[in-house]
Amino acid sequence: MRLSWLCLPLMAVILVGCAAKTNHRSSCGQELDAAWAELDLAKAEGFAGTVSYSKALTLITGAKTQQQFEAYEGCTRKAKKARFYIRESRAGR
């Protein structure tokens, strides 16, 4: 009987942890898709050699890795930062 009372809070913590992992899943995917599309456009416009483009590519790669490991919040953050650097690249900075 006592063991079941100990397991109940543990199970609740585990379930909350699993739910928290999926909070940013859709935003991660959306930001990554947008970043890849913007990166392709910047490359087509001839900005592939800029430092900002390289930073963006590195961030997108890191975001994709985080997505695969279900670190969705970090993925979203990196993809948004990559989109910033893509805009900087297209602005010539």
C-alpha atoms as a PDB file:
ATOM      1  CA  MET A   1       0.000   0.000   0.000  1.00  0.00           C
ATOM      2  CA  ARG A   2       2.758   2.397   0.925  1.00  0.00           C
ATOM      3  CA  LEU A   3       4.613   1.706  -2.311  1.00  0.00           C
ATOM      4  CA  SER A   4       1.611   2.746  -4.401  1.00  0.00           C
ATOM      5  CA  TRP A   5       1.502   6.117  -2.627  1.00  0.00           C
ATOM      6  CA  LEU A   6       5.131   6.664  -3.537  1.00  0.00           C
ATOM      7  CA  CYS A   7       4.634   5.667  -7.167  1.00  0.00           C
ATOM      8  CA  LEU A   8       1.729   8.018  -7.791  1.00  0.00           C
ATOM      9  CA  PRO A   9       3.721  11.290  -7.453  1.00  0.00           C
ATOM     10  CA  LEU A  10       6.575   9.785  -9.445  1.00  0.00           C
ATOM     11  CA  MET A  11       4.244   8.883 -12.305  1.00  0.00           C
ATOM     12  CA  ALA A  12       2.744  12.380 -12.240  1.00  0.00           C
ATOM     13  CA  VAL A  13       6.200  13.958 -12.556  1.00  0.00           C
ATOM     14  CA  ILE A  14       7.079  11.676 -15.460  1.00  0.00           C
ATOM     15  CA  LEU A  15       3.858  12.518 -17.315  1.00  0.00           C
ATOM     16  CA  VAL A  16       4.350  16.250 -16.811  1.00  0.00           C
ATOM     17  CA  GLY A  17       7.902  15.942 -18.125  1.00  0.00           C
ATOM     18  CA  CYS A  18       6.711  14.165 -21.253  1.00  0.00           C
ATOM     19  CA  ALA A  19       4.021  16.767 -21.890  1.00  0.00           C
ATOM     20  CA  ALA A  20       6.520  19.605 -21.518  1.00  0.00           C
ATOM     21  CA  LYS A  21       8.695  18.139 -24.277  1.00  0.00           C
ATOM     22  CA  THR A  22       5.962  18.553 -26.889  1.00  0.00           C
ATOM     23  CA  ASN A  23       5.063  22.177 -26.120  1.00  0.00           C
ATOM     24  CA  HIS A  24       7.339  23.639 -28.800  1.00  0.00           C
ATOM     25  CA  ARG A  25       7.165  20.780 -31.305  1.00  0.00           C
ATOM     26  CA  SER A  26       5.000  22.550 -33.883  1.00  0.00           C
ATOM     27  CA  SER A  27       6.804  25.893 -33.593  1.00  0.00           C
ATOM     28  CA  CYS A  28      10.136  24.083 -34.004  1.00  0.00           C
ATOM     29  CA  GLY A  29       8.956  22.469 -37.237  1.00  0.00           C
ATOM     30  CA  GLN A  30       7.420  25.676 -38.574  1.00  0.00           C
ATOM     31  CA  GLU A  31      10.492  27.789 -37.791  1.00  0.00           C
ATOM     32  CA  LEU A  32      12.826  25.194 -39.314  1.00  0.00           C
ATOM     33  CA  ASP A  33      10.761  24.970 -42.503  1.00  0.00           C
ATOM     34  CA  ALA A  34      10.701  28.759 -42.823  1.00  0.00           C
ATOM     35  CA  ALA A  35      14.437  29.030 -42.113  1.00  0.00           C
ATOM     36  CA  TRP A  36      15.326  26.433 -44.768  1.00  0.00           C
ATOM     37  CA  ALA A  37      13.124  28.191 -47.329  1.00  0.00           C
ATOM     38  CA  GLU A  38      14.653  31.593 -46.522  1.00  0.00           C
ATOM     39  CA  LEU A  39      18.165  30.104 -46.625  1.00  0.00           C
ATOM     40  CA  ASP A  40      17.500  28.644 -50.083  1.00  0.00           C
ATOM     41  CA  LEU A  41      16.225  32.019 -51.258  1.00  0.00           C
ATOM     42  CA  ALA A  42      19.292  33.804 -49.883  1.00  0.00           C
ATOM     43  CA  LYS A  43      21.518  31.272 -51.651  1.00  0.00           C
ATOM     44  CA  ALA A  44      19.672  31.806 -54.925  1.00  0.00           C
ATOM     45  CA  GLU A  45      20.134  35.555 -54.550  1.00  0.00           C
ATOM     46  CA  GLY A  46      23.903  35.078 -54.190  1.00  0.00           C
ATOM     47  CA  PHE A  47      24.335  35.655 -50.466  1.00  0.00           C
ATOM     48  CA  ALA A  48      25.727  32.177 -49.731  1.00  0.00           C
ATOM     49  CA  GLY A  49      29.252  33.468 -49.084  1.00  0.00           C
ATOM     50  CA  THR A  50      28.431  35.927 -46.324  1.00  0.00           C
ATOM     51  CA  VAL A  51      29.312  35.412 -42.683  1.00  0.00           C
ATOM     52  CA  SER A  52      25.665  35.813 -41.659  1.00  0.00           C
ATOM     53  CA  TYR A  53      24.664  33.058 -44.097  1.00  0.00           C
ATOM     54  CA  SER A  54      27.253  30.728 -42.561  1.00  0.00           C
ATOM     55  CA  LYS A  55      26.026  31.512 -39.055  1.00  0.00           C
ATOM     56  CA  ALA A  56      22.447  30.831 -40.143  1.00  0.00           C
ATOM     57  CA  LEU A  57      23.387  27.497 -41.713  1.00  0.00           C
ATOM     58  CA  THR A  58      25.182  26.443 -38.527  1.00  0.00           C
ATOM     59  CA  LEU A  59      22.195  27.430 -36.392  1.00  0.00           C
ATOM     60  CA  ILE A  60      19.733  25.576 -38.635  1.00  0.00           C
ATOM     61  CA  THR A  61      21.888  22.457 -38.470  1.00  0.00           C
ATOM     62  CA  GLY A  62      21.952  22.727 -34.676  1.00  0.00           C
ATOM     63  CA  ALA A  63      18.193  23.291 -34.575  1.00  0.00           C
ATOM     64  CA  LYS A  64      17.608  20.181 -36.694  1.00  0.00           C
ATOM     65  CA  THR A  65      19.775  18.157 -34.317  1.00  0.00           C
ATOM     66  CA  GLN A  66      17.816  19.445 -31.339  1.00  0.00           C
ATOM     67  CA  GLN A  67      14.569  18.558 -33.107  1.00  0.00           C
ATOM     68  CA  GLN A  68      15.757  14.985 -33.561  1.00  0.00           C
ATOM     69  CA  PHE A  69      16.540  14.765 -29.836  1.00  0.00           C
ATOM     70  CA  GLU A  70      13.151  16.312 -28.965  1.00  0.00           C
ATOM     71  CA  ALA A  71      14.686  19.491 -27.530  1.00  0.00           C
ATOM     72  CA  TYR A  72      11.964  21.560 -29.190  1.00  0.00           C
ATOM     73  CA  GLU A  73      12.394  24.774 -27.220  1.00  0.00           C
ATOM     74  CA  GLY A  74      16.081  25.027 -28.146  1.00  0.00           C
ATOM     75  CA  CYS A  75      15.242  24.109 -31.719  1.00  0.00           C
ATOM     76  CA  THR A  76      12.724  26.948 -31.942  1.00  0.00           C
ATOM     77  CA  ARG A  77      15.190  29.416 -30.426  1.00  0.00           C
ATOM     78  CA  LYS A  78      17.988  28.426 -32.834  1.00  0.00           C
ATOM     79  CA  ALA A  79      15.714  28.497 -35.890  1.00  0.00           C
ATOM     80  CA  LYS A  80      14.481  31.998 -35.014  1.00  0.00           C
ATOM     81  CA  LYS A  81      18.067  33.169 -34.540  1.00  0.00           C
ATOM     82  CA  ALA A  82      18.991  31.599 -37.889  1.00  0.00           C
ATOM     83  CA  ARG A  83      16.175  33.514 -39.577  1.00  0.00           C
ATOM     84  CA  PHE A  84      17.601  36.729 -38.094  1.00  0.00           C
ATOM     85  CA  TYR A  85      21.022  35.978 -39.609  1.00  0.00           C
ATOM     86  CA  ILE A  86      19.410  35.155 -42.953  1.00  0.00           C
ATOM     87  CA  ARG A  87      17.761  38.584 -42.971  1.00  0.00           C
ATOM     88  CA  GLU A  88      21.126  40.107 -42.084  1.00  0.00           C
ATOM     89  CA  SER A  89      22.756  38.190 -44.924  1.00  0.00           C
ATOM     90  CA  ARG A  90      20.193  39.388 -47.428  1.00  0.00           C
ATOM     91  CA  ALA A  91      20.713  42.950 -46.189  1.00  0.00           C
ATOM     92  CA  GLY A  92      24.428  42.621 -46.911  1.00  0.00           C
ATOM     93  CA  ARG A  93      25.580  42.544 -43.303  1.00  0.00           C
END
